[in-house]
Amino acid sequence: MSNQNKQLYIVISQTGTLLSRILKQITGAEYNHASISLSRDLERMYSFGRRHPYNPFWGGFVIESPRTGTFKRFSETKVLVLSVSVTEEQHAELKEMLDVMWKRRRKYSYNYIGLCLAYFHIVWKQEGCYYCSEFVGELLAKSRVDGTEQLRSSIIQPMQFLRMPHTLLYCGKLREYMCDTCSEGICEDAANCTVHRRLS
């Protein structure tokens, strides 16, 4: 296998939606949504969330962007941007899986039941159904990305991705994120950021 000379980006966010505020109260975690991107500009972030920014009950497989959709509506969204090293083969495999899933996106739906039961440490799976961190975790595991064994849980919360080997690129408001402001992989905001988290 080739050297780890590619990067993927895990974005952990707190949008301030009603659901995210409820999850924050329940879990105590500062951030409650997870997305994955193959490009540093984050113009295409893949996740499971709202298909329409004004309808929280119509969820599924979505492509998110800092300037459109839910993140545009909730412009005060706070994020952590994690850079994770992968091989060229892993990067290509992730891209292929995401491309296939996007072509079949209408077959996927949001795992509302699984998200609710996760609070009681109950795993509920149905084919084609995911919540955000469940999707990101499974995608990383299928691609055998280093550090996925650190998740150590069948129920993955967004904050648990901090357990994986990573570089923290940014901490702040998503609308203020600019990938070209980062120098050598670490920007000043990230260096000064204190991450409050509760990991199970």
C-alpha atoms as a PDB file:
ATOM      1  CA  MET A   1       0.000   0.000   0.000  1.00  0.00           C
ATOM      2  CA  SER A   2       1.297   3.505  -0.841  1.00  0.00           C
ATOM      3  CA  ASN A   3       2.340   6.148   1.630  1.00  0.00           C
ATOM      4  CA  GLN A   4      -0.270   8.273   3.370  1.00  0.00           C
ATOM      5  CA  ASN A   5       0.018  11.319   1.152  1.00  0.00           C
ATOM      6  CA  LYS A   6      -3.659  12.200   0.781  1.00  0.00           C
ATOM      7  CA  GLN A   7      -6.037  13.891   3.196  1.00  0.00           C
ATOM      8  CA  LEU A   8      -9.694  13.586   4.029  1.00  0.00           C
ATOM      9  CA  TYR A   9     -11.573  16.063   6.199  1.00  0.00           C
ATOM     10  CA  ILE A  10     -13.996  15.300   9.017  1.00  0.00           C
ATOM     11  CA  VAL A  11     -16.157  18.261   9.963  1.00  0.00           C
ATOM     12  CA  ILE A  12     -17.802  18.183  13.390  1.00  0.00           C
ATOM     13  CA  SER A  13     -20.409  20.887  13.802  1.00  0.00           C
ATOM     14  CA  GLN A  14     -22.974  22.509  16.055  1.00  0.00           C
ATOM     15  CA  THR A  15     -25.644  24.186  13.946  1.00  0.00           C
ATOM     16  CA  GLY A  16     -27.937  25.410  16.690  1.00  0.00           C
ATOM     17  CA  THR A  17     -30.968  23.608  15.290  1.00  0.00           C
ATOM     18  CA  LEU A  18     -33.573  22.311  17.738  1.00  0.00           C
ATOM     19  CA  LEU A  19     -32.308  18.742  17.321  1.00  0.00           C
ATOM     20  CA  SER A  20     -28.683  19.750  17.866  1.00  0.00           C
ATOM     21  CA  ARG A  21     -29.608  21.673  21.012  1.00  0.00           C
ATOM     22  CA  ILE A  22     -31.525  18.669  22.337  1.00  0.00           C
ATOM     23  CA  LEU A  23     -28.568  16.380  21.608  1.00  0.00           C
ATOM     24  CA  LYS A  24     -26.237  18.803  23.365  1.00  0.00           C
ATOM     25  CA  GLN A  25     -28.415  18.694  26.473  1.00  0.00           C
ATOM     26  CA  ILE A  26     -28.613  14.895  26.376  1.00  0.00           C
ATOM     27  CA  THR A  27     -24.993  14.040  25.574  1.00  0.00           C
ATOM     28  CA  GLY A  28     -23.188  17.043  26.987  1.00  0.00           C
ATOM     29  CA  ALA A  29     -21.188  17.196  23.753  1.00  0.00           C
ATOM     30  CA  GLU A  30     -20.358  20.590  22.287  1.00  0.00           C
ATOM     31  CA  TYR A  31     -20.702  19.366  18.683  1.00  0.00           C
ATOM     32  CA  ASN A  32     -23.398  17.004  17.435  1.00  0.00           C
ATOM     33  CA  HIS A  33     -23.160  16.677  13.656  1.00  0.00           C
ATOM     34  CA  ALA A  34     -20.492  15.020  11.494  1.00  0.00           C
ATOM     35  CA  SER A  35     -19.696  15.306   7.802  1.00  0.00           C
ATOM     36  CA  ILE A  36     -16.863  14.108   5.578  1.00  0.00           C
ATOM     37  CA  SER A  37     -15.176  15.887   2.696  1.00  0.00           C
ATOM     38  CA  LEU A  38     -12.433  14.875   0.277  1.00  0.00           C
ATOM     39  CA  SER A  39     -11.438  18.467  -0.468  1.00  0.00           C
ATOM     40  CA  ARG A  40      -9.954  21.029   1.882  1.00  0.00           C
ATOM     41  CA  ASP A  41     -12.303  23.797   0.712  1.00  0.00           C
ATOM     42  CA  LEU A  42     -15.262  21.794   2.160  1.00  0.00           C
ATOM     43  CA  GLU A  43     -17.440  22.717  -0.828  1.00  0.00           C
ATOM     44  CA  ARG A  44     -18.751  19.137  -0.930  1.00  0.00           C
ATOM     45  CA  MET A  45     -19.334  17.682   2.524  1.00  0.00           C
ATOM     46  CA  TYR A  46     -21.191  14.365   2.613  1.00  0.00           C
ATOM     47  CA  SER A  47     -23.466  13.445   5.474  1.00  0.00           C
ATOM     48  CA  PHE A  48     -26.936  12.401   6.563  1.00  0.00           C
ATOM     49  CA  GLY A  49     -29.086  15.337   7.510  1.00  0.00           C
ATOM     50  CA  ARG A  50     -31.851  17.619   6.293  1.00  0.00           C
ATOM     51  CA  ARG A  51     -32.695  17.415   2.616  1.00  0.00           C
ATOM     52  CA  HIS A  52     -34.302  20.850   2.954  1.00  0.00           C
ATOM     53  CA  PRO A  53     -33.019  23.467   5.437  1.00  0.00           C
ATOM     54  CA  TYR A  54     -36.542  24.288   6.663  1.00  0.00           C
ATOM     55  CA  ASN A  55     -37.774  20.710   7.088  1.00  0.00           C
ATOM     56  CA  PRO A  56     -36.136  18.752   9.940  1.00  0.00           C
ATOM     57  CA  PHE A  57     -38.332  15.705   9.312  1.00  0.00           C
ATOM     58  CA  TRP A  58     -37.183  15.000   5.754  1.00  0.00           C
ATOM     59  CA  GLY A  59     -33.697  13.605   6.105  1.00  0.00           C
ATOM     60  CA  GLY A  60     -31.365  11.534   4.009  1.00  0.00           C
ATOM     61  CA  PHE A  61     -28.028  11.450   2.215  1.00  0.00           C
ATOM     62  CA  VAL A  62     -26.968  15.010   1.435  1.00  0.00           C
ATOM     63  CA  ILE A  63     -24.100  17.098   0.106  1.00  0.00           C
ATOM     64  CA  GLU A  64     -23.484  20.096   2.335  1.00  0.00           C
ATOM     65  CA  SER A  65     -21.647  23.340   1.660  1.00  0.00           C
ATOM     66  CA  PRO A  66     -20.735  26.300   3.880  1.00  0.00           C
ATOM     67  CA  ARG A  67     -22.731  28.653   1.621  1.00  0.00           C
ATOM     68  CA  THR A  68     -25.857  26.669   0.834  1.00  0.00           C
ATOM     69  CA  GLY A  69     -28.658  24.691   2.463  1.00  0.00           C
ATOM     70  CA  THR A  70     -28.771  24.121   6.199  1.00  0.00           C
ATOM     71  CA  PHE A  71     -25.385  25.712   6.886  1.00  0.00           C
ATOM     72  CA  LYS A  72     -26.437  28.843   5.014  1.00  0.00           C
ATOM     73  CA  ARG A  73     -29.654  29.056   7.022  1.00  0.00           C
ATOM     74  CA  PHE A  74     -27.843  28.483  10.323  1.00  0.00           C
ATOM     75  CA  SER A  75     -25.008  30.893   9.621  1.00  0.00           C
ATOM     76  CA  GLU A  76     -23.670  30.813  13.190  1.00  0.00           C
ATOM     77  CA  THR A  77     -22.725  27.128  12.863  1.00  0.00           C
ATOM     78  CA  LYS A  78     -19.523  26.316  14.748  1.00  0.00           C
ATOM     79  CA  VAL A  79     -17.159  23.610  13.491  1.00  0.00           C
ATOM     80  CA  LEU A  80     -14.029  21.635  14.112  1.00  0.00           C
ATOM     81  CA  VAL A  81     -12.243  20.674  10.892  1.00  0.00           C
ATOM     82  CA  LEU A  82     -10.059  17.583  11.246  1.00  0.00           C
ATOM     83  CA  SER A  83      -7.542  16.549   8.606  1.00  0.00           C
ATOM     84  CA  VAL A  84      -6.898  12.785   8.477  1.00  0.00           C
ATOM     85  CA  SER A  85      -4.093  11.185   6.476  1.00  0.00           C
ATOM     86  CA  VAL A  86      -4.998   8.367   4.085  1.00  0.00           C
ATOM     87  CA  THR A  87      -3.341   6.545   1.222  1.00  0.00           C
ATOM     88  CA  GLU A  88      -4.100   7.260  -2.418  1.00  0.00           C
ATOM     89  CA  GLU A  89      -5.939   3.929  -2.606  1.00  0.00           C
ATOM     90  CA  GLN A  90      -8.098   4.757   0.407  1.00  0.00           C
ATOM     91  CA  HIS A  91      -8.865   8.214  -0.963  1.00  0.00           C
ATOM     92  CA  ALA A  92      -9.897   6.742  -4.318  1.00  0.00           C
ATOM     93  CA  GLU A  93     -12.000   4.083  -2.603  1.00  0.00           C
ATOM     94  CA  LEU A  94     -13.792   6.694  -0.497  1.00  0.00           C
ATOM     95  CA  LYS A  95     -14.499   8.795  -3.591  1.00  0.00           C
ATOM     96  CA  GLU A  96     -15.903   5.800  -5.440  1.00  0.00           C
ATOM     97  CA  MET A  97     -18.166   4.822  -2.528  1.00  0.00           C
ATOM     98  CA  LEU A  98     -19.443   8.384  -2.157  1.00  0.00           C
ATOM     99  CA  ASP A  99     -20.066   8.720  -5.892  1.00  0.00           C
ATOM    100  CA  VAL A 100     -22.050   5.472  -5.940  1.00  0.00           C
ATOM    101  CA  MET A 101     -24.055   6.476  -2.879  1.00  0.00           C
ATOM    102  CA  TRP A 102     -24.849   9.870  -4.381  1.00  0.00           C
ATOM    103  CA  LYS A 103     -26.132   8.271  -7.588  1.00  0.00           C
ATOM    104  CA  ARG A 104     -28.413   6.099  -5.417  1.00  0.00           C
ATOM    105  CA  ARG A 105     -29.202   8.832  -2.883  1.00  0.00           C
ATOM    106  CA  ARG A 106     -32.972   8.406  -3.121  1.00  0.00           C
ATOM    107  CA  LYS A 107     -32.566   4.916  -1.660  1.00  0.00           C
ATOM    108  CA  TYR A 108     -31.153   6.280   1.579  1.00  0.00           C
ATOM    109  CA  SER A 109     -33.000   7.793   4.524  1.00  0.00           C
ATOM    110  CA  TYR A 110     -32.180   9.239   7.913  1.00  0.00           C
ATOM    111  CA  ASN A 111     -31.981   6.804  10.824  1.00  0.00           C
ATOM    112  CA  TYR A 112     -34.230   8.710  13.237  1.00  0.00           C
ATOM    113  CA  ILE A 113     -35.063   5.569  15.236  1.00  0.00           C
ATOM    114  CA  GLY A 114     -31.405   4.592  15.552  1.00  0.00           C
ATOM    115  CA  LEU A 115     -30.486   8.088  16.719  1.00  0.00           C
ATOM    116  CA  CYS A 116     -33.126   8.020  19.446  1.00  0.00           C
ATOM    117  CA  LEU A 117     -32.207   4.511  20.614  1.00  0.00           C
ATOM    118  CA  ALA A 118     -28.496   5.372  20.648  1.00  0.00           C
ATOM    119  CA  TYR A 119     -29.142   7.448  23.771  1.00  0.00           C
ATOM    120  CA  PHE A 120     -30.108   4.192  25.523  1.00  0.00           C
ATOM    121  CA  HIS A 121     -27.037   2.433  24.055  1.00  0.00           C
ATOM    122  CA  ILE A 122     -29.248   0.363  21.779  1.00  0.00           C
ATOM    123  CA  VAL A 123     -28.061  -0.278  18.230  1.00  0.00           C
ATOM    124  CA  TRP A 124     -30.807  -0.137  15.613  1.00  0.00           C
ATOM    125  CA  LYS A 125     -29.833  -0.710  12.004  1.00  0.00           C
ATOM    126  CA  GLN A 126     -31.836  -0.858   8.818  1.00  0.00           C
ATOM    127  CA  GLU A 127     -30.385  -1.110   5.334  1.00  0.00           C
ATOM    128  CA  GLY A 128     -30.005   2.299   3.734  1.00  0.00           C
ATOM    129  CA  CYS A 129     -30.630   4.215   6.982  1.00  0.00           C
ATOM    130  CA  TYR A 130     -27.951   6.236   8.761  1.00  0.00           C
ATOM    131  CA  TYR A 131     -27.520   9.164  11.087  1.00  0.00           C
ATOM    132  CA  CYS A 132     -24.534  11.424  10.451  1.00  0.00           C
ATOM    133  CA  SER A 133     -21.797   9.971  12.661  1.00  0.00           C
ATOM    134  CA  GLU A 134     -22.948   6.418  11.962  1.00  0.00           C
ATOM    135  CA  PHE A 135     -22.454   7.077   8.238  1.00  0.00           C
ATOM    136  CA  VAL A 136     -19.027   8.696   8.617  1.00  0.00           C
ATOM    137  CA  GLY A 137     -17.817   5.946  10.953  1.00  0.00           C
ATOM    138  CA  GLU A 138     -18.936   3.137   8.648  1.00  0.00           C
ATOM    139  CA  LEU A 139     -17.381   4.839   5.627  1.00  0.00           C
ATOM    140  CA  LEU A 140     -14.022   5.173   7.393  1.00  0.00           C
ATOM    141  CA  ALA A 141     -14.165   1.568   8.624  1.00  0.00           C
ATOM    142  CA  LYS A 142     -14.938   0.208   5.151  1.00  0.00           C
ATOM    143  CA  SER A 143     -11.933   2.083   3.786  1.00  0.00           C
ATOM    144  CA  ARG A 144      -9.744   0.807   6.638  1.00  0.00           C
ATOM    145  CA  VAL A 145      -8.609   4.301   7.601  1.00  0.00           C
ATOM    146  CA  ASP A 146      -6.021   4.276  10.390  1.00  0.00           C
ATOM    147  CA  GLY A 147      -7.502   5.023  13.778  1.00  0.00           C
ATOM    148  CA  THR A 148     -11.029   3.738  13.216  1.00  0.00           C
ATOM    149  CA  GLU A 149     -10.292   1.081  15.826  1.00  0.00           C
ATOM    150  CA  GLN A 150     -10.003   3.956  18.317  1.00  0.00           C
ATOM    151  CA  LEU A 151     -13.723   4.591  18.014  1.00  0.00           C
ATOM    152  CA  ARG A 152     -14.311   1.356  19.958  1.00  0.00           C
ATOM    153  CA  SER A 153     -18.056   1.601  19.843  1.00  0.00           C
ATOM    154  CA  SER A 154     -20.979   0.353  17.776  1.00  0.00           C
ATOM    155  CA  ILE A 155     -22.654   3.679  18.564  1.00  0.00           C
ATOM    156  CA  ILE A 156     -20.429   6.486  17.320  1.00  0.00           C
ATOM    157  CA  GLN A 157     -20.911  10.063  18.449  1.00  0.00           C
ATOM    158  CA  PRO A 158     -19.409  12.918  16.396  1.00  0.00           C
ATOM    159  CA  MET A 159     -16.940  13.894  19.125  1.00  0.00           C
ATOM    160  CA  GLN A 160     -15.433  10.409  19.074  1.00  0.00           C
ATOM    161  CA  PHE A 161     -13.698  11.174  15.768  1.00  0.00           C
ATOM    162  CA  LEU A 162     -11.276  13.254  17.825  1.00  0.00           C
ATOM    163  CA  ARG A 163      -9.845   9.946  19.048  1.00  0.00           C
ATOM    164  CA  MET A 164      -8.470   9.218  15.580  1.00  0.00           C
ATOM    165  CA  PRO A 165      -5.025  10.493  14.546  1.00  0.00           C
ATOM    166  CA  HIS A 166      -5.698  13.901  13.005  1.00  0.00           C
ATOM    167  CA  THR A 167      -4.591  17.487  12.584  1.00  0.00           C
ATOM    168  CA  LEU A 168      -7.010  20.133  13.815  1.00  0.00           C
ATOM    169  CA  LEU A 169      -7.160  22.594  10.935  1.00  0.00           C
ATOM    170  CA  TYR A 170      -9.792  24.973  12.217  1.00  0.00           C
ATOM    171  CA  CYS A 171     -12.086  25.777  15.107  1.00  0.00           C
ATOM    172  CA  GLY A 172     -14.682  28.511  14.676  1.00  0.00           C
ATOM    173  CA  LYS A 173     -17.651  29.608  12.604  1.00  0.00           C
ATOM    174  CA  LEU A 174     -18.051  27.652   9.393  1.00  0.00           C
ATOM    175  CA  ARG A 175     -18.882  30.765   7.354  1.00  0.00           C
ATOM    176  CA  GLU A 176     -15.488  32.200   8.304  1.00  0.00           C
ATOM    177  CA  TYR A 177     -13.552  29.103   7.269  1.00  0.00           C
ATOM    178  CA  MET A 178     -11.161  29.679   4.396  1.00  0.00           C
ATOM    179  CA  CYS A 179      -8.844  26.826   3.524  1.00  0.00           C
ATOM    180  CA  ASP A 180      -6.186  29.177   2.154  1.00  0.00           C
ATOM    181  CA  THR A 181      -5.804  30.833   5.578  1.00  0.00           C
ATOM    182  CA  CYS A 182      -4.278  27.640   6.969  1.00  0.00           C
ATOM    183  CA  SER A 183      -0.514  27.433   7.094  1.00  0.00           C
ATOM    184  CA  GLU A 184       1.206  24.052   7.166  1.00  0.00           C
ATOM    185  CA  GLY A 185      -2.025  22.362   8.081  1.00  0.00           C
ATOM    186  CA  ILE A 186      -2.744  24.255  11.285  1.00  0.00           C
ATOM    187  CA  CYS A 187      -4.424  27.636  11.455  1.00  0.00           C
ATOM    188  CA  GLU A 188      -4.220  30.072  14.331  1.00  0.00           C
ATOM    189  CA  ASP A 189      -7.854  29.555  15.326  1.00  0.00           C
ATOM    190  CA  ALA A 190      -7.227  25.846  15.771  1.00  0.00           C
ATOM    191  CA  ALA A 191      -4.062  26.381  17.765  1.00  0.00           C
ATOM    192  CA  ASN A 192      -5.927  28.580  20.229  1.00  0.00           C
ATOM    193  CA  CYS A 193      -9.093  26.490  20.359  1.00  0.00           C
ATOM    194  CA  THR A 194     -10.108  24.676  23.523  1.00  0.00           C
ATOM    195  CA  VAL A 195     -12.284  21.695  22.662  1.00  0.00           C
ATOM    196  CA  HIS A 196     -14.909  20.900  25.270  1.00  0.00           C
ATOM    197  CA  ARG A 197     -16.038  17.325  24.931  1.00  0.00           C
ATOM    198  CA  ARG A 198     -17.482  14.382  26.759  1.00  0.00           C
ATOM    199  CA  LEU A 199     -16.418  11.045  25.324  1.00  0.00           C
ATOM    200  CA  SER A 200     -18.092   7.849  26.342  1.00  0.00           C
END
